C-alpha atoms as a PDB file:
ATOM      1  CA  MET A   1     -26.532  41.209 -21.944  1.00  0.00           C
ATOM      2  CA  PRO A   2     -25.697  44.805 -23.134  1.00  0.00           C
ATOM      3  CA  ARG A   3     -24.280  46.693 -20.992  1.00  0.00           C
ATOM      4  CA  ASP A   4     -26.978  49.528 -18.503  1.00  0.00           C
ATOM      5  CA  PRO A   5     -25.912  52.355 -18.175  1.00  0.00           C
ATOM      6  CA  GLY A   6     -28.161  52.760 -15.276  1.00  0.00           C
ATOM      7  CA  TYR A   7     -26.011  49.992 -13.541  1.00  0.00           C
ATOM      8  CA  SER A   8     -22.544  49.656 -12.477  1.00  0.00           C
ATOM      9  CA  ASP A   9     -20.628  46.958 -13.756  1.00  0.00           C
ATOM     10  CA  ILE A  10     -20.783  44.845 -10.556  1.00  0.00           C
ATOM     11  CA  ALA A  11     -24.330  44.996 -10.300  1.00  0.00           C
ATOM     12  CA  ASN A  12     -24.619  44.161 -14.614  1.00  0.00           C
ATOM     13  CA  ASP A  13     -22.171  41.215 -13.372  1.00  0.00           C
ATOM     14  CA  GLN A  14     -23.807  40.045 -10.716  1.00  0.00           C
ATOM     15  CA  LEU A  15     -27.660  39.861 -12.570  1.00  0.00           C
ATOM     16  CA  ASP A  16     -25.690  38.259 -15.432  1.00  0.00           C
ATOM     17  CA  GLU A  17     -24.519  35.782 -13.512  1.00  0.00           C
ATOM     18  CA  ILE A  18     -27.944  35.175 -11.485  1.00  0.00           C
ATOM     19  CA  LEU A  19     -29.499  34.677 -15.206  1.00  0.00           C
ATOM     20  CA  GLY A  20     -26.829  32.084 -15.721  1.00  0.00           C
ATOM     21  CA  LEU A  21     -27.658  30.331 -13.298  1.00  0.00           C
ATOM     22  CA  GLY A  22     -31.181  29.807 -14.625  1.00  0.00           C
ATOM     23  CA  ASP A  23     -33.162  31.226 -11.555  1.00  0.00           C
ATOM     24  CA  HIS A  24     -35.954  33.484 -14.193  1.00  0.00           C
ATOM     25  CA  ASP A  25     -37.900  34.048 -10.836  1.00  0.00           C
ATOM     26  CA  LEU A  26     -35.500  35.536  -9.415  1.00  0.00           C
ATOM     27  CA  TYR A  27     -33.652  36.884 -11.833  1.00  0.00           C
ATOM     28  CA  ASN A  28     -37.087  38.751 -12.821  1.00  0.00           C
ATOM     29  CA  ALA A  29     -37.478  39.451  -9.000  1.00  0.00           C
ATOM     30  CA  LEU A  30     -34.337  41.703  -9.296  1.00  0.00           C
ATOM     31  CA  ILE A  31     -35.079  43.464 -12.577  1.00  0.00           C
ATOM     32  CA  ASP A  32     -38.728  44.350 -11.347  1.00  0.00           C
ATOM     33  CA  ALA A  33     -36.848  46.067  -7.988  1.00  0.00           C
ATOM     34  CA  CYS A  34     -34.689  47.605 -10.329  1.00  0.00           C
ATOM     35  CA  ASP A  35     -37.643  48.751 -12.243  1.00  0.00           C
ATOM     36  CA  LEU A  36     -39.101  50.257  -8.999  1.00  0.00           C
ATOM     37  CA  VAL A  37     -36.192  52.100  -8.001  1.00  0.00           C
ATOM     38  CA  PHE A  38     -35.771  53.850 -11.932  1.00  0.00           C
ATOM     39  CA  GLU A  39     -39.487  54.116 -12.544  1.00  0.00           C
ATOM     40  CA  ASN A  40     -40.488  56.149  -8.914  1.00  0.00           C
ATOM     41  CA  PRO A  41     -37.101  56.126  -6.748  1.00  0.00           C
ATOM     42  CA  GLY A  42     -39.681  58.326  -4.060  1.00  0.00           C
ATOM     43  CA  ILE A  43     -41.253  54.829  -3.408  1.00  0.00           C
ATOM     44  CA  ALA A  44     -38.216  52.968  -3.364  1.00  0.00           C
ATOM     45  CA  ARG A  45     -36.257  55.517  -1.115  1.00  0.00           C
ATOM     46  CA  ALA A  46     -39.189  54.807   1.472  1.00  0.00           C
ATOM     47  CA  TYR A  47     -39.000  51.093   1.471  1.00  0.00           C
ATOM     48  CA  SER A  48     -35.202  51.071   1.481  1.00  0.00           C
ATOM     49  CA  SER A  49     -32.618  51.643   4.469  1.00  0.00           C
ATOM     50  CA  ALA A  50     -29.178  53.360   4.181  1.00  0.00           C
ATOM     51  CA  VAL A  51     -26.304  52.294   4.185  1.00  0.00           C
ATOM     52  CA  MET A  52     -23.268  54.098   4.172  1.00  0.00           C
ATOM     53  CA  ASP A  53     -19.971  52.655   1.646  1.00  0.00           C
ATOM     54  CA  GLU A  54     -16.713  52.989   1.872  1.00  0.00           C
ATOM     55  CA  ASP A  55     -15.766  56.278   0.273  1.00  0.00           C
ATOM     56  CA  GLY A  56     -18.443  58.009   2.533  1.00  0.00           C
ATOM     57  CA  ASP A  57     -21.452  58.237   0.296  1.00  0.00           C
ATOM     58  CA  ILE A  58     -24.966  57.306   0.733  1.00  0.00           C
ATOM     59  CA  VAL A  59     -26.438  53.722  -0.768  1.00  0.00           C
ATOM     60  CA  PHE A  60     -29.876  52.615   0.036  1.00  0.00           C
ATOM     61  CA  ARG A  61     -30.660  49.181   0.494  1.00  0.00           C
ATOM     62  CA  TYR A  62     -34.005  48.061  -1.230  1.00  0.00           C
ATOM     63  CA  PRO A  63     -35.376  44.474  -0.032  1.00  0.00           C
ATOM     64  CA  VAL A  64     -36.463  42.657  -2.809  1.00  0.00           C
ATOM     65  CA  PRO A  65     -40.460  41.577  -2.456  1.00  0.00           C
ATOM     66  CA  GLY A  66     -40.857  37.731  -1.501  1.00  0.00           C
ATOM     67  CA  ARG A  67     -36.510  37.163  -2.287  1.00  0.00           C
ATOM     68  CA  PHE A  68     -35.491  37.612   1.565  1.00  0.00           C
ATOM     69  CA  PRO A  69     -32.250  37.907   1.922  1.00  0.00           C
ATOM     70  CA  TYR A  70     -31.833  39.594  -1.726  1.00  0.00           C
ATOM     71  CA  LYS A  71     -31.597  43.298  -1.596  1.00  0.00           C
ATOM     72  CA  VAL A  72     -30.677  46.110  -4.371  1.00  0.00           C
ATOM     73  CA  PHE A  73     -27.902  48.475  -3.841  1.00  0.00           C
ATOM     74  CA  TRP A  74     -28.790  51.492  -5.203  1.00  0.00           C
ATOM     75  CA  SER A  75     -27.880  55.643  -5.524  1.00  0.00           C
ATOM     76  CA  ILE A  76     -29.932  58.190  -5.732  1.00  0.00           C
ATOM     77  CA  ASP A  77     -28.086  59.663  -8.262  1.00  0.00           C
ATOM     78  CA  GLY A  78     -29.124  59.062 -11.668  1.00  0.00           C
ATOM     79  CA  PRO A  79     -30.437  56.242  -9.858  1.00  0.00           C
ATOM     80  CA  THR A  80     -27.967  53.835  -9.932  1.00  0.00           C
ATOM     81  CA  ILE A  81     -28.521  50.353  -9.658  1.00  0.00           C
ATOM     82  CA  GLU A  82     -24.251  49.132  -7.909  1.00  0.00           C
ATOM     83  CA  ALA A  83     -25.126  46.173  -6.577  1.00  0.00           C
ATOM     84  CA  VAL A  84     -27.767  43.023  -6.116  1.00  0.00           C
ATOM     85  CA  PHE A  85     -26.350  40.279  -3.989  1.00  0.00           C
ATOM     86  CA  PRO A  86     -28.545  38.602  -0.614  1.00  0.00           C
ATOM     87  CA  TYR A  87     -27.323  40.675   2.369  1.00  0.00           C
ATOM     88  CA  ARG A  88     -28.549  40.344   5.949  1.00  0.00           C
ATOM     89  CA  THR A  89     -29.423  42.924   8.893  1.00  0.00           C
END
């Protein structure tokens, strides 16, 4: 899959891995969530919680609808998708 500049290398690798596992429904749900972040970050931010990364930067955590515990981690700059993975809390 070509690398999208709106996605970190980590997020691209995670999405490639999920696609490679053949879980197309999960992959599509993750892409839909990422699309919401890109197309309407204000709505995504309203439904996200915020966490601080190890560098002290704020990263938003958007829950993927219908796919608990998967979350999309994103930064407002860009916006950029930083990571996608199951996260409980």
